[in-house]
Amino acid sequence: MSIITVILQILLGGFFIMTGTKIASGKMADEFKRFGFPSFFNILTGSFEIIGAIGMIVGIWVPIIAVLAGILLGGTMLIAALTLIFIAKDPFKKSVPAIVLCVISVLVIFLNL
């Protein structure tokens, strides 16, 4: 495994632990209401991000876990970007962070195969 792969996994793991915790705690509940999603989506999405983050870190030693975490996080970020564009009708630039995180997650998948 290359040092770049490890760095990407640590960055994704750290980022998603922070955002997943914030989402699961309900601090972003207004954003989910704005999308028209029920309140349990806070816990569901936050849990996906926390599980994916842990998977990214564990995946440093067990690459298949990083692949599975990349699928979970990449899919979550793809849905987030599409939600911002099509449901919330936000400008495209607001979805760029989610798209970048999706691409990095997919990159980690391929680097661990």
C-alpha atoms as a PDB file:
ATOM      1  CA  MET A   1       0.000   0.000   0.000  1.00  0.00           C
ATOM      2  CA  SER A   2       1.344   3.409  -0.906  1.00  0.00           C
ATOM      3  CA  ILE A   3       1.765   6.309   1.473  1.00  0.00           C
ATOM      4  CA  ILE A   4      -0.701   8.335  -0.618  1.00  0.00           C
ATOM      5  CA  THR A   5      -3.380   5.689  -0.081  1.00  0.00           C
ATOM      6  CA  VAL A   6      -2.778   5.732   3.666  1.00  0.00           C
ATOM      7  CA  ILE A   7      -2.917   9.543   3.750  1.00  0.00           C
ATOM      8  CA  LEU A   8      -6.189   9.599   1.773  1.00  0.00           C
ATOM      9  CA  GLN A   9      -7.725   7.013   4.098  1.00  0.00           C
ATOM     10  CA  ILE A  10      -6.655   8.935   7.211  1.00  0.00           C
ATOM     11  CA  LEU A  11      -8.026  12.187   5.772  1.00  0.00           C
ATOM     12  CA  LEU A  12     -11.333  10.574   4.800  1.00  0.00           C
ATOM     13  CA  GLY A  13     -11.550   8.785   8.151  1.00  0.00           C
ATOM     14  CA  GLY A  14     -10.955  11.964  10.134  1.00  0.00           C
ATOM     15  CA  PHE A  15     -13.296  14.071   8.027  1.00  0.00           C
ATOM     16  CA  PHE A  16     -16.165  11.600   8.139  1.00  0.00           C
ATOM     17  CA  ILE A  17     -15.818  10.972  11.882  1.00  0.00           C
ATOM     18  CA  MET A  18     -16.286  14.719  12.417  1.00  0.00           C
ATOM     19  CA  THR A  19     -19.152  15.207   9.960  1.00  0.00           C
ATOM     20  CA  GLY A  20     -20.856  11.926  10.820  1.00  0.00           C
ATOM     21  CA  THR A  21     -20.864  12.821  14.501  1.00  0.00           C
ATOM     22  CA  LYS A  22     -22.239  16.271  13.705  1.00  0.00           C
ATOM     23  CA  ILE A  23     -24.999  14.853  11.501  1.00  0.00           C
ATOM     24  CA  ALA A  24     -25.965  12.013  13.884  1.00  0.00           C
ATOM     25  CA  SER A  25     -26.173  14.435  16.806  1.00  0.00           C
ATOM     26  CA  GLY A  26     -28.877  16.405  15.008  1.00  0.00           C
ATOM     27  CA  LYS A  27     -26.835  19.571  14.506  1.00  0.00           C
ATOM     28  CA  MET A  28     -27.726  19.466  10.809  1.00  0.00           C
ATOM     29  CA  ALA A  29     -31.406  18.591  11.304  1.00  0.00           C
ATOM     30  CA  ASP A  30     -32.547  21.809   9.617  1.00  0.00           C
ATOM     31  CA  GLU A  31     -30.651  20.876   6.468  1.00  0.00           C
ATOM     32  CA  PHE A  32     -32.383  17.480   6.303  1.00  0.00           C
ATOM     33  CA  LYS A  33     -35.764  19.159   6.907  1.00  0.00           C
ATOM     34  CA  ARG A  34     -34.995  21.498   4.027  1.00  0.00           C
ATOM     35  CA  PHE A  35     -34.601  18.452   1.775  1.00  0.00           C
ATOM     36  CA  GLY A  36     -37.902  17.046   3.033  1.00  0.00           C
ATOM     37  CA  PHE A  37     -36.273  14.013   4.672  1.00  0.00           C
ATOM     38  CA  PRO A  38     -37.622  12.495   7.899  1.00  0.00           C
ATOM     39  CA  SER A  39     -35.622  13.055  11.065  1.00  0.00           C
ATOM     40  CA  PHE A  40     -34.225   9.504  11.208  1.00  0.00           C
ATOM     41  CA  PHE A  41     -32.126  10.371   8.133  1.00  0.00           C
ATOM     42  CA  ASN A  42     -29.858  12.351  10.487  1.00  0.00           C
ATOM     43  CA  ILE A  43     -28.991   9.207  12.410  1.00  0.00           C
ATOM     44  CA  LEU A  44     -28.878   7.016   9.297  1.00  0.00           C
ATOM     45  CA  THR A  45     -26.578   9.320   7.345  1.00  0.00           C
ATOM     46  CA  GLY A  46     -24.396  10.097  10.351  1.00  0.00           C
ATOM     47  CA  SER A  47     -24.072   6.386  11.097  1.00  0.00           C
ATOM     48  CA  PHE A  48     -23.085   5.632   7.497  1.00  0.00           C
ATOM     49  CA  GLU A  49     -20.385   8.290   7.700  1.00  0.00           C
ATOM     50  CA  ILE A  50     -19.059   7.105  11.074  1.00  0.00           C
ATOM     51  CA  ILE A  51     -19.016   3.446   9.972  1.00  0.00           C
ATOM     52  CA  GLY A  52     -17.320   4.431   6.712  1.00  0.00           C
ATOM     53  CA  ALA A  53     -14.750   6.509   8.588  1.00  0.00           C
ATOM     54  CA  ILE A  54     -13.885   3.638  10.897  1.00  0.00           C
ATOM     55  CA  GLY A  55     -13.686   1.372   7.852  1.00  0.00           C
ATOM     56  CA  MET A  56     -11.229   3.736   6.177  1.00  0.00           C
ATOM     57  CA  ILE A  57      -8.927   3.630   9.193  1.00  0.00           C
ATOM     58  CA  VAL A  58      -9.208  -0.147   9.668  1.00  0.00           C
ATOM     59  CA  GLY A  59      -8.706  -0.481   5.921  1.00  0.00           C
ATOM     60  CA  ILE A  60      -5.126   0.695   6.293  1.00  0.00           C
ATOM     61  CA  TRP A  61      -4.394  -2.813   7.620  1.00  0.00           C
ATOM     62  CA  VAL A  62      -7.266  -4.738   5.974  1.00  0.00           C
ATOM     63  CA  PRO A  63      -7.670  -3.378   2.413  1.00  0.00           C
ATOM     64  CA  ILE A  64     -11.018  -5.066   1.697  1.00  0.00           C
ATOM     65  CA  ILE A  65     -12.516  -3.036   4.552  1.00  0.00           C
ATOM     66  CA  ALA A  66     -11.269   0.151   2.863  1.00  0.00           C
ATOM     67  CA  VAL A  67     -12.940  -0.984  -0.363  1.00  0.00           C
ATOM     68  CA  LEU A  68     -16.255  -1.536   1.419  1.00  0.00           C
ATOM     69  CA  ALA A  69     -15.916   1.771   3.283  1.00  0.00           C
ATOM     70  CA  GLY A  70     -15.160   3.519  -0.002  1.00  0.00           C
ATOM     71  CA  ILE A  71     -18.329   2.095  -1.532  1.00  0.00           C
ATOM     72  CA  LEU A  72     -20.384   3.244   1.467  1.00  0.00           C
ATOM     73  CA  LEU A  73     -18.866   6.731   1.625  1.00  0.00           C
ATOM     74  CA  GLY A  74     -18.731   7.219  -2.141  1.00  0.00           C
ATOM     75  CA  GLY A  75     -22.384   6.256  -2.461  1.00  0.00           C
ATOM     76  CA  THR A  76     -23.360   8.485   0.433  1.00  0.00           C
ATOM     77  CA  MET A  77     -21.557  11.453  -1.106  1.00  0.00           C
ATOM     78  CA  LEU A  78     -23.018  10.787  -4.554  1.00  0.00           C
ATOM     79  CA  ILE A  79     -26.510  10.820  -3.042  1.00  0.00           C
ATOM     80  CA  ALA A  80     -25.615  13.988  -1.099  1.00  0.00           C
ATOM     81  CA  ALA A  81     -24.483  15.745  -4.286  1.00  0.00           C
ATOM     82  CA  LEU A  82     -27.581  14.664  -6.209  1.00  0.00           C
ATOM     83  CA  THR A  83     -29.788  15.767  -3.309  1.00  0.00           C
ATOM     84  CA  LEU A  84     -28.224  19.217  -3.304  1.00  0.00           C
ATOM     85  CA  ILE A  85     -28.567  19.588  -7.070  1.00  0.00           C
ATOM     86  CA  PHE A  86     -31.968  18.050  -7.762  1.00  0.00           C
ATOM     87  CA  ILE A  87     -33.981  18.164  -4.532  1.00  0.00           C
ATOM     88  CA  ALA A  88     -32.657  21.289  -2.814  1.00  0.00           C
ATOM     89  CA  LYS A  89     -32.081  23.028  -6.183  1.00  0.00           C
ATOM     90  CA  ASP A  90     -28.858  24.517  -4.805  1.00  0.00           C
ATOM     91  CA  PRO A  91     -26.234  25.896  -7.201  1.00  0.00           C
ATOM     92  CA  PHE A  92     -23.854  23.238  -8.547  1.00  0.00           C
ATOM     93  CA  LYS A  93     -20.900  24.743  -6.686  1.00  0.00           C
ATOM     94  CA  LYS A  94     -22.528  23.807  -3.368  1.00  0.00           C
ATOM     95  CA  SER A  95     -22.347  20.125  -4.354  1.00  0.00           C
ATOM     96  CA  VAL A  96     -18.639  20.238  -5.287  1.00  0.00           C
ATOM     97  CA  PRO A  97     -17.373  19.160  -1.824  1.00  0.00           C
ATOM     98  CA  ALA A  98     -19.612  16.076  -1.898  1.00  0.00           C
ATOM     99  CA  ILE A  99     -18.466  15.274  -5.447  1.00  0.00           C
ATOM    100  CA  VAL A 100     -14.803  15.624  -4.461  1.00  0.00           C
ATOM    101  CA  LEU A 101     -15.320  13.342  -1.447  1.00  0.00           C
ATOM    102  CA  CYS A 102     -17.100  10.832  -3.687  1.00  0.00           C
ATOM    103  CA  VAL A 103     -14.198  10.852  -6.164  1.00  0.00           C
ATOM    104  CA  ILE A 104     -11.616  10.437  -3.377  1.00  0.00           C
ATOM    105  CA  SER A 105     -13.626   7.536  -1.934  1.00  0.00           C
ATOM    106  CA  VAL A 106     -13.749   5.845  -5.338  1.00  0.00           C
ATOM    107  CA  LEU A 107     -10.015   6.455  -5.761  1.00  0.00           C
ATOM    108  CA  VAL A 108      -9.380   4.702  -2.436  1.00  0.00           C
ATOM    109  CA  ILE A 109     -11.430   1.763  -3.666  1.00  0.00           C
ATOM    110  CA  PHE A 110      -9.253   1.354  -6.751  1.00  0.00           C
ATOM    111  CA  LEU A 111      -6.015   1.897  -4.851  1.00  0.00           C
ATOM    112  CA  ASN A 112      -6.960  -0.966  -2.511  1.00  0.00           C
ATOM    113  CA  LEU A 113      -7.983  -3.490  -5.173  1.00  0.00           C
END
